[in-house]
Protein backbone atom coordinates (compact mmCIF):
# COMPACT_ATOMS: atom_id res chain seq x y z
CA MET A 1 -5.94 17.27 -17.41
CA ILE A 2 -9.45 18.47 -16.33
CA ASN A 3 -10.18 22.11 -16.63
CA LEU A 4 -10.74 23.54 -13.17
CA LYS A 5 -12.26 26.70 -12.13
CA PRO A 6 -12.32 28.68 -9.06
CA TYR A 7 -15.20 28.90 -6.87
CA GLN A 8 -17.68 31.83 -7.49
CA LYS A 9 -17.14 33.71 -4.38
CA TYR A 10 -14.14 34.05 -1.80
CA LYS A 11 -13.31 35.59 1.48
CA ASP A 12 -10.01 36.43 3.11
CA SER A 13 -9.11 33.62 5.55
CA GLY A 14 -7.03 35.84 7.72
CA VAL A 15 -4.10 33.36 7.56
CA GLU A 16 -1.42 34.36 5.21
CA CYS A 17 -0.16 30.73 4.18
CA ILE A 18 -3.76 29.96 3.27
CA GLY A 19 -4.95 33.05 1.69
CA LYS A 20 -8.39 33.45 0.24
CA ILE A 21 -11.06 30.52 0.62
CA PRO A 22 -14.37 29.85 -0.70
CA GLU A 23 -17.06 32.01 0.97
CA HIS A 24 -18.72 28.86 2.58
CA TRP A 25 -15.62 27.47 4.06
CA GLU A 26 -14.14 28.46 7.35
CA VAL A 27 -10.74 28.10 9.40
CA LYS A 28 -10.31 25.99 12.31
CA ARG A 29 -7.31 24.78 14.24
CA LEU A 30 -6.42 21.13 13.37
CA LYS A 31 -7.21 20.02 17.00
CA PHE A 32 -10.91 20.79 16.45
CA VAL A 33 -10.88 18.53 13.38
CA ALA A 34 -8.80 15.69 14.34
CA ARG A 35 -6.48 14.52 17.27
CA LEU A 36 -3.29 12.98 16.70
CA ALA A 37 -2.84 9.75 18.90
CA TYR A 38 0.48 8.06 19.95
CA GLY A 39 1.51 4.87 18.46
CA LYS A 40 2.44 2.04 20.99
CA SER A 41 5.72 0.50 21.66
CA LEU A 42 6.47 -2.82 19.97
CA PRO A 43 10.04 -3.87 20.27
CA ASP A 44 11.50 -6.37 17.65
CA GLU A 45 11.43 -9.22 19.79
CA LYS A 46 7.90 -8.98 20.59
CA ARG A 47 6.42 -8.93 17.18
CA GLU A 48 4.62 -11.83 15.99
CA ASP A 49 3.97 -12.91 12.45
CA GLY A 50 0.71 -11.57 11.26
CA ASP A 51 -1.51 -9.66 8.45
CA TYR A 52 -1.28 -6.28 10.34
CA LEU A 53 1.24 -3.99 8.83
CA VAL A 54 3.63 -2.11 11.29
CA PHE A 55 4.24 1.49 10.48
CA GLY A 56 7.36 3.70 12.10
CA SER A 57 8.47 7.26 11.53
CA ASN A 58 9.58 6.61 7.88
CA GLY A 59 6.70 4.21 6.78
CA LEU A 60 6.25 0.36 6.69
CA VAL A 61 8.80 -1.48 9.03
CA GLY A 62 7.23 -4.94 9.21
CA SER A 63 3.99 -6.95 10.41
CA HIS A 64 2.30 -8.03 13.51
CA SER A 65 -0.38 -10.21 14.79
CA SER A 66 -2.64 -7.52 16.28
CA ALA A 67 -3.57 -3.75 15.15
CA VAL A 68 -3.65 -0.55 17.05
CA THR A 69 -6.03 1.29 14.71
CA CYS A 70 -9.57 0.42 14.26
CA GLY A 71 -9.85 0.60 10.38
CA PRO A 72 -8.13 2.86 8.01
CA SER A 73 -5.80 5.52 9.30
CA ILE A 74 -3.35 8.20 8.73
CA VAL A 75 0.23 7.60 10.28
CA ILE A 76 2.38 10.50 10.81
CA GLY A 77 6.21 10.28 11.47
CA ARG A 78 6.75 11.65 14.92
CA LYS A 79 10.58 11.08 15.76
CA GLY A 80 13.44 10.76 13.46
CA SER A 81 11.75 11.04 10.00
CA PHE A 82 9.23 13.27 11.50
CA GLY A 83 6.26 14.69 9.30
CA LYS A 84 6.15 11.90 6.89
CA VAL A 85 2.30 11.18 6.12
CA VAL A 86 1.02 7.81 5.15
CA TYR A 87 -2.39 6.55 4.43
CA VAL A 88 -3.13 2.95 5.36
CA ASP A 89 -6.42 1.51 4.15
CA THR A 90 -6.63 -1.43 6.61
CA PRO A 91 -6.12 -1.63 10.42
CA CYS A 92 -2.46 -1.40 11.25
CA TYR A 93 0.10 -0.96 14.01
CA PRO A 94 1.74 2.43 14.20
CA ILE A 95 4.59 2.10 16.66
CA ASP A 96 5.89 4.75 19.32
CA THR A 97 7.77 6.79 16.84
CA ALA A 98 4.60 7.61 14.99
CA TYR A 99 1.29 9.34 15.46
CA PHE A 100 -1.98 8.04 14.01
CA ILE A 101 -5.48 9.26 13.31
CA ASP A 102 -8.40 6.85 12.59
CA GLU A 103 -12.22 7.14 12.70
CA GLY A 104 -11.91 7.15 16.49
CA TYR A 105 -10.05 10.57 16.48
CA THR A 106 -11.94 12.41 13.71
CA LYS A 107 -15.37 13.01 12.49
CA SER A 108 -13.97 14.12 9.09
CA ASP A 109 -13.34 12.31 5.83
CA LEU A 110 -10.12 10.44 6.79
CA LYS A 111 -8.96 10.50 2.93
CA TRP A 112 -9.58 14.25 2.58
CA LEU A 113 -7.70 14.80 6.04
CA TYR A 114 -4.74 12.84 4.64
CA TYR A 115 -4.35 15.02 1.35
CA LEU A 116 -4.84 18.29 3.70
CA MET A 117 -1.82 16.91 6.10
CA GLN A 118 0.28 16.75 3.27
CA THR A 119 0.19 20.50 2.63
CA LEU A 120 1.04 21.56 6.30
CA GLU A 121 4.74 20.90 6.02
CA LEU A 122 4.89 19.07 9.07
CA ASP A 123 8.39 17.89 8.41
CA LYS A 124 9.52 21.59 9.37
CA PHE A 125 8.27 21.34 13.00
CA SER A 126 11.21 20.12 15.33
CA MET A 127 10.76 21.00 18.98
CA ASP A 128 13.45 18.72 20.09
CA SER A 129 17.16 19.80 19.18
CA ALA A 130 18.53 16.54 20.56
CA VAL A 131 16.16 14.09 18.62
CA PRO A 132 14.35 15.99 15.81
CA GLY A 133 10.48 15.47 16.25
CA LEU A 134 7.11 16.58 15.43
CA ASN A 135 5.48 18.28 18.47
CA ARG A 136 1.84 17.19 18.78
CA GLU A 137 0.43 20.40 20.37
CA SER A 138 2.13 22.60 17.76
CA THR A 139 0.47 20.44 15.20
CA HIS A 140 -2.72 20.57 16.86
CA ASN A 141 -2.83 24.28 16.69
CA LYS A 142 -2.00 24.41 13.13
CA LEU A 143 -4.97 26.55 11.05
CA ILE A 144 -6.43 24.76 8.28
CA PRO A 145 -9.36 25.43 5.71
CA TYR A 146 -12.49 23.43 6.93
CA PHE A 147 -15.95 22.78 5.31
CA ASN A 148 -18.60 20.32 5.39
CA ILE A 149 -17.97 16.43 5.08
CA THR A 150 -19.91 15.96 1.64
CA GLU A 151 -17.53 18.25 -0.10
CA GLN A 152 -14.59 16.62 1.70
CA VAL A 153 -15.66 13.31 0.24
CA GLN A 154 -15.94 14.83 -3.25
CA ILE A 155 -12.23 16.36 -3.14
CA ALA A 156 -10.82 13.10 -1.88
CA LYS A 157 -12.64 11.06 -4.58
CA PHE A 158 -11.29 13.61 -6.93
CA LEU A 159 -7.70 13.53 -5.56
CA ASP A 160 -7.75 9.85 -5.48
CA ARG A 161 -8.39 9.52 -9.19
CA GLN A 162 -5.98 12.26 -10.31
CA THR A 163 -2.97 11.47 -7.89
CA SER A 164 -3.35 7.64 -8.94
CA GLN A 165 -2.96 8.77 -12.65
CA ILE A 166 0.27 10.80 -11.68
CA GLU A 167 1.41 7.83 -9.59
CA ASN A 168 1.01 5.16 -12.29
CA LEU A 169 3.04 7.40 -14.59
CA ILE A 170 5.91 7.92 -12.16
CA GLU A 171 5.91 3.99 -11.51
CA LYS A 172 6.19 3.50 -15.35
CA TYR A 173 9.01 6.03 -15.49
CA GLU A 174 10.63 4.31 -12.63
CA ARG A 175 10.55 0.94 -14.28
CA LEU A 176 11.88 2.20 -17.44
CA ILE A 177 14.80 3.65 -15.29
CA ASP A 178 15.28 0.16 -13.82
CA LEU A 179 15.45 -1.20 -17.29
CA LEU A 180 17.93 1.21 -18.40
CA LYS A 181 20.09 0.59 -15.28
CA GLU A 182 19.90 -3.24 -16.16
CA LYS A 183 20.99 -2.52 -19.76
CA LYS A 184 23.89 -0.53 -18.56
CA THR A 185 24.87 -3.09 -16.29
CA THR A 186 24.61 -5.89 -18.96
CA LEU A 187 26.72 -3.52 -21.49
CA ILE A 188 29.40 -3.09 -19.18
CA SER A 189 29.59 -6.72 -18.20
CA ARG A 190 29.72 -7.92 -21.97
CA VAL A 191 32.18 -5.53 -23.07
CA VAL A 192 34.64 -6.05 -20.09
CA THR A 193 34.41 -9.71 -20.28
CA LYS A 194 34.06 -10.15 -24.05
CA GLY A 195 35.72 -7.06 -25.76
CA LEU A 196 34.31 -5.18 -28.70
CA ASN A 197 35.03 -7.52 -31.46
CA SER A 198 32.51 -10.27 -31.69
CA ASN A 199 34.60 -12.39 -34.22
CA VAL A 200 37.57 -12.95 -31.95
CA LYS A 201 38.57 -16.33 -30.87
CA MET A 202 37.64 -17.26 -27.24
CA LYS A 203 39.18 -19.22 -24.29
CA ASP A 204 37.36 -20.53 -21.14
CA LEU A 205 38.98 -19.49 -17.97
CA GLY A 206 37.34 -22.17 -16.01
CA VAL A 207 35.43 -19.71 -13.88
CA GLU A 208 31.63 -20.08 -14.13
CA TRP A 209 30.44 -16.61 -13.65
CA ILE A 210 33.13 -15.32 -15.95
CA GLY A 211 32.86 -17.57 -18.87
CA LYS A 212 34.76 -17.36 -21.81
CA ILE A 213 37.10 -14.27 -22.58
CA PRO A 214 39.07 -13.38 -25.74
CA GLU A 215 41.82 -15.86 -26.46
CA HIS A 216 44.69 -13.05 -26.57
CA TRP A 217 43.23 -11.59 -23.19
CA GLU A 218 45.01 -12.31 -19.79
CA ALA A 219 43.51 -12.95 -16.40
CA LYS A 220 45.29 -11.79 -13.38
CA LYS A 221 44.79 -11.26 -9.86
CA LEU A 222 44.20 -7.60 -8.73
CA LYS A 223 47.45 -7.82 -6.59
CA PHE A 224 49.58 -8.22 -9.60
CA VAL A 225 48.23 -5.12 -11.41
CA SER A 226 47.29 -2.79 -8.59
CA LYS A 227 48.58 -1.56 -5.34
CA ILE A 228 46.00 -2.50 -2.48
CA ILE A 229 45.73 -0.02 0.47
CA MET A 230 43.64 -1.35 3.35
CA GLY A 231 41.89 1.46 5.35
CA GLN A 232 42.58 1.76 9.11
CA SER A 233 40.35 3.78 11.56
CA PRO A 234 42.23 6.16 13.93
CA ASP A 235 40.73 6.47 17.65
CA SER A 236 37.48 8.05 17.62
CA LYS A 237 38.88 11.18 19.61
CA TYR A 238 40.34 12.40 16.27
CA TYR A 239 36.90 12.37 14.63
CA ASN A 240 35.03 15.66 13.94
CA PHE A 241 32.21 17.05 11.81
CA ASP A 242 33.16 20.57 11.47
CA GLY A 243 35.73 20.35 8.56
CA GLU A 244 38.81 20.07 10.60
CA GLY A 245 41.56 17.96 9.22
CA TYR A 246 41.16 15.28 6.45
CA PRO A 247 37.73 14.35 4.94
CA PHE A 248 37.38 10.84 6.28
CA LEU A 249 35.54 7.89 4.73
CA GLN A 250 34.35 4.93 7.04
CA GLY A 251 32.59 3.02 4.11
CA ASN A 252 29.04 2.11 3.25
CA ALA A 253 27.05 5.09 4.34
CA GLU A 254 29.33 7.37 2.13
CA PHE A 255 28.94 5.99 -1.21
CA THR A 256 27.14 7.91 -4.05
CA GLU A 257 27.05 7.45 -7.73
CA LEU A 258 30.51 7.98 -8.67
CA TYR A 259 32.46 10.01 -6.20
CA PRO A 260 32.28 9.45 -2.34
CA LYS A 261 30.84 12.04 0.03
CA ALA A 262 32.55 12.28 3.44
CA VAL A 263 30.41 13.08 6.40
CA LYS A 264 33.11 13.38 8.85
CA TYR A 265 36.68 14.59 9.18
CA CYS A 266 39.76 13.20 11.04
CA THR A 267 42.65 15.22 12.51
CA GLN A 268 45.01 12.07 12.42
CA ALA A 269 44.39 9.54 9.82
CA ASN A 270 46.64 6.49 9.42
CA LYS A 271 45.80 5.42 5.67
CA PHE A 272 44.95 7.57 2.78
CA SER A 273 43.44 7.49 -0.90
CA GLN A 274 44.88 9.68 -3.45
CA LYS A 275 42.97 11.05 -6.18
CA GLY A 276 42.04 8.51 -8.97
CA ASP A 277 42.08 5.50 -6.63
CA ILE A 278 39.01 3.24 -6.85
CA LEU A 279 37.55 2.75 -3.46
CA ILE A 280 35.66 -0.44 -2.75
CA SER A 281 33.72 -1.30 0.42
CA VAL A 282 34.90 -4.46 2.30
CA ARG A 283 31.95 -4.21 4.99
CA ALA A 284 28.36 -4.28 4.65
CA PRO A 285 27.37 -3.54 1.81
CA VAL A 286 30.24 -5.35 0.47
CA GLY A 287 31.33 -4.11 -3.07
CA GLU A 288 30.01 -0.58 -3.21
CA ILE A 289 32.53 1.30 -5.53
CA ASN A 290 33.55 4.87 -5.79
CA ILE A 291 36.46 6.85 -7.41
CA SER A 292 38.54 9.06 -5.00
CA ASP A 293 38.33 12.47 -6.29
CA GLN A 294 40.65 13.93 -3.72
CA LYS A 295 42.97 12.79 -0.84
CA TYR A 296 40.86 10.92 1.76
CA GLY A 297 41.57 9.35 5.14
CA ILE A 298 40.17 5.87 4.99
CA GLY A 299 38.89 3.69 7.67
CA ARG A 300 38.81 -0.07 8.00
CA GLY A 301 35.58 -0.49 5.81
CA LEU A 302 37.47 0.55 2.76
CA VAL A 303 40.10 -0.64 0.42
CA ALA A 304 41.94 1.75 -1.95
CA ILE A 305 42.90 0.21 -5.20
CA ARG A 306 45.81 2.01 -7.18
CA PRO A 307 46.30 0.62 -10.41
CA LYS A 308 49.87 0.20 -11.78
CA LEU A 309 49.65 2.54 -14.73
CA LYS A 310 52.36 0.66 -16.97
CA GLN A 311 49.90 -2.44 -17.16
CA ILE A 312 46.36 -1.21 -16.63
CA LEU A 313 44.29 1.83 -17.00
CA PRO A 314 42.24 3.07 -13.89
CA SER A 315 39.37 4.00 -15.96
CA TYR A 316 39.13 0.25 -17.00
CA VAL A 317 39.53 -1.08 -13.47
CA TRP A 318 36.64 0.95 -12.62
CA TYR A 319 34.47 -0.69 -15.27
CA GLY A 320 36.12 -4.12 -14.53
CA LEU A 321 35.53 -3.97 -10.85
CA ASN A 322 31.74 -3.27 -11.34
CA VAL A 323 31.65 -6.65 -13.13
CA PHE A 324 34.15 -8.76 -11.26
CA LYS A 325 32.86 -7.69 -7.78
CA ILE A 326 30.51 -10.73 -8.14
CA SER A 327 33.28 -12.74 -6.62
CA PHE A 328 32.75 -10.94 -3.47
CA ASN A 329 29.03 -11.66 -3.27
CA LEU A 330 30.22 -15.39 -3.53
CA LEU A 331 32.48 -14.83 -0.87
CA VAL A 332 30.00 -13.40 1.72
CA SER A 333 27.02 -15.66 0.83
CA GLY A 334 25.62 -17.27 3.84
CA SER A 335 27.97 -15.45 6.29
CA THR A 336 26.28 -13.99 9.35
CA TYR A 337 28.54 -10.83 9.16
CA GLU A 338 28.90 -9.18 5.58
CA ALA A 339 32.53 -8.77 5.09
CA ILE A 340 35.43 -9.57 3.03
CA SER A 341 39.39 -9.42 3.74
CA VAL A 342 41.99 -7.48 1.97
CA ASP A 343 43.50 -10.56 0.76
CA ASP A 344 40.05 -11.33 -0.80
CA VAL A 345 40.53 -7.99 -2.77
CA LYS A 346 44.05 -8.89 -3.74
CA ASN A 347 43.15 -12.14 -5.08
CA MET A 348 40.11 -10.96 -7.00
CA LEU A 349 40.42 -12.04 -10.85
CA VAL A 350 40.17 -9.66 -13.52
CA SER A 351 40.42 -10.02 -17.20
CA LEU A 352 43.01 -8.00 -19.03
CA PRO A 353 43.12 -6.83 -22.68
CA THR A 354 45.95 -5.12 -24.12
CA LYS A 355 46.44 -1.44 -23.03
CA ASP A 356 45.20 -0.16 -26.28
CA GLU A 357 42.08 -2.42 -26.02
CA GLN A 358 41.61 -1.11 -22.38
CA GLN A 359 41.72 2.32 -23.80
CA GLN A 360 39.02 1.56 -26.81
CA ILE A 361 36.73 -0.42 -24.27
CA THR A 362 36.82 2.65 -21.78
CA ASP A 363 35.94 5.25 -24.64
CA TYR A 364 33.30 3.07 -25.75
CA LEU A 365 31.66 2.58 -22.31
CA ASP A 366 32.15 6.08 -21.60
CA LYS A 367 30.17 7.24 -24.58
CA GLU A 368 27.42 4.57 -24.12
CA THR A 369 26.98 4.76 -20.47
CA SER A 370 26.90 8.69 -20.66
CA ASN A 371 24.01 8.31 -23.08
CA ILE A 372 22.01 6.06 -20.92
CA ASP A 373 22.82 8.13 -17.73
CA ALA A 374 21.72 11.19 -19.63
CA LEU A 375 18.44 9.43 -20.48
CA VAL A 376 17.94 8.37 -16.91
CA GLY A 377 18.51 11.99 -15.79
CA LYS A 378 15.87 13.33 -18.05
CA ILE A 379 13.40 10.63 -16.93
CA ASN A 380 14.12 11.50 -13.22
CA LYS A 381 13.45 15.27 -14.03
CA GLN A 382 10.11 14.18 -15.36
CA ILE A 383 9.41 12.15 -12.17
CA GLU A 384 10.20 15.15 -10.20
CA LEU A 385 8.11 17.29 -12.21
CA LEU A 386 5.29 15.00 -11.81
CA LYS A 387 5.72 14.86 -8.07
CA GLU A 388 5.79 18.69 -8.11
CA HIS A 389 2.49 18.76 -10.02
CA LYS A 390 0.96 16.17 -7.70
CA ALA A 391 1.91 18.38 -4.69
CA SER A 392 0.61 21.48 -6.32
CA LEU A 393 -2.62 19.88 -7.40
CA ILE A 394 -3.16 18.59 -3.79
CA SER A 395 -2.66 22.16 -2.24
CA HIS A 396 -4.55 23.98 -4.84
CA ILE A 397 -7.59 21.78 -4.07
CA VAL A 398 -7.80 21.25 -0.48
CA THR A 399 -7.05 25.06 0.01
CA GLY A 400 -10.04 25.83 -2.35
CA LYS A 401 -7.99 27.50 -5.03
CA VAL A 402 -10.20 25.44 -7.66
CA ASN A 403 -13.52 23.79 -7.57
CA VAL A 404 -14.02 20.06 -8.03
CA ARG A 405 -17.62 19.69 -7.18
CA GLY A 406 -19.24 17.98 -10.10
CA LYS A 407 -15.90 16.48 -11.58
CA ILE A 408 -16.11 13.09 -9.73
CA ALA A 409 -18.00 11.12 -12.59
C-alpha cells in the first residue's frame, strides 16, 4: 500500500458527516455538480437484440439495440434495490427503475463522481414506504466536498488503480472458493457412491450417472427407506408475517446453506415437517435441500423426507440426496415449468451401504466437509475485509483525508 499523507492545511467543512476538508476545497450541494436523469421505460417485449447493455435498479438486466446515455455513465438504482451505484464505460440503456448521469448532466469528472457517490449512503434514503425508492430531490440536496476537475481526475485515476488491485484479489479469492466448493461436491459424490474402501469389489447398477457401487451395497428407491410427506399450502388468509402460528415454508426462496429460513407464518397448516426431516424443493429451483431444524408448516413446493431409522441414517441421506438429486435435473430437463412430483421423489434411487458404513461415511464427510467449510469461511472473511478496505480507501480519498496528488505514476 502506498504511504498516503494528509494535505498541508485543512478547514472545517461545516458538515458533521464530512468533517474537515483541504483548505482549497469547498462544500456544494450535489445538484450544483450533477443532475440525476430518469431512465426510460423498456418492457421485455420491446427489447431488441443489440450491443447496448440495459441496467435496472439492481444492475445489468439485458441488452438492447439502442442506448439512452451518450457515453460512459453512472447508473443509480431508483426503485426496489435503490441506491446501488454502477459505472458503465460505454453508452447504455438505464430503464425507468434507475437514474443515470452522463456527460450531459455534469461538468465534473464522471469517474470521480462515481467514487464520490459510493460514499453518500444512497441506499438509506427511502421516501416511499410502499415501494422503497431513492428520492431525487433529497439526493440532489446532499452536501458533498468539491474541488477542481484536475484534482478530480487525479483522484479518479489513483482510485482506479488501487481499487482494481483490490478487486483482482477479491476475484482470486472467489475463484478459490468456487474450487473448494467443487472439491467438496466431488468428495461427497465419490464417497457416497464408492465408499471409503478403494479396494472393494464393484458392481454396475446400470444407471449411467451413478456408475458402479460397492458389490455388497444395495440400491433402493427412497420410498422404501423413508416416509415421504408432500407439502400442502393452506388458504392465503391464514398467512401472516408477524410471527403468529407456525413458521411456514413454501419452498425455493427460503433455502439457505443448511437450515431453512421461514419468511412467513401460518395459523393453520395442513402438512408439517419435524426436526431432522430433510426438505427438498420440488418446484423451481428443483432439488434445493435443507434440514428441518424445528417443526414447520410446509407448502406444496416442498417434500419432507423422514428416513426409517432402522434402515438408514438421516445424516447419510442428507449427503446422499446432494448427490442423487441429479436424477431430478434429468426429469425437468427441457420442461417449460421446472417441477417434479412427489412420485419422482419416492422413486428416487439411492445407494445404501450397511448401517455401520453409513455412519463411517457420515463421520468422514462431516470432518472433511467441515474443514473445507471452515476454509471457505476464512476466505469469505478476507473478502469482506478487502471490501471494507476498499470502501474505507474511497471514503478517505474523496473526502480529502489523504492527498493522492503526485501518486498517479
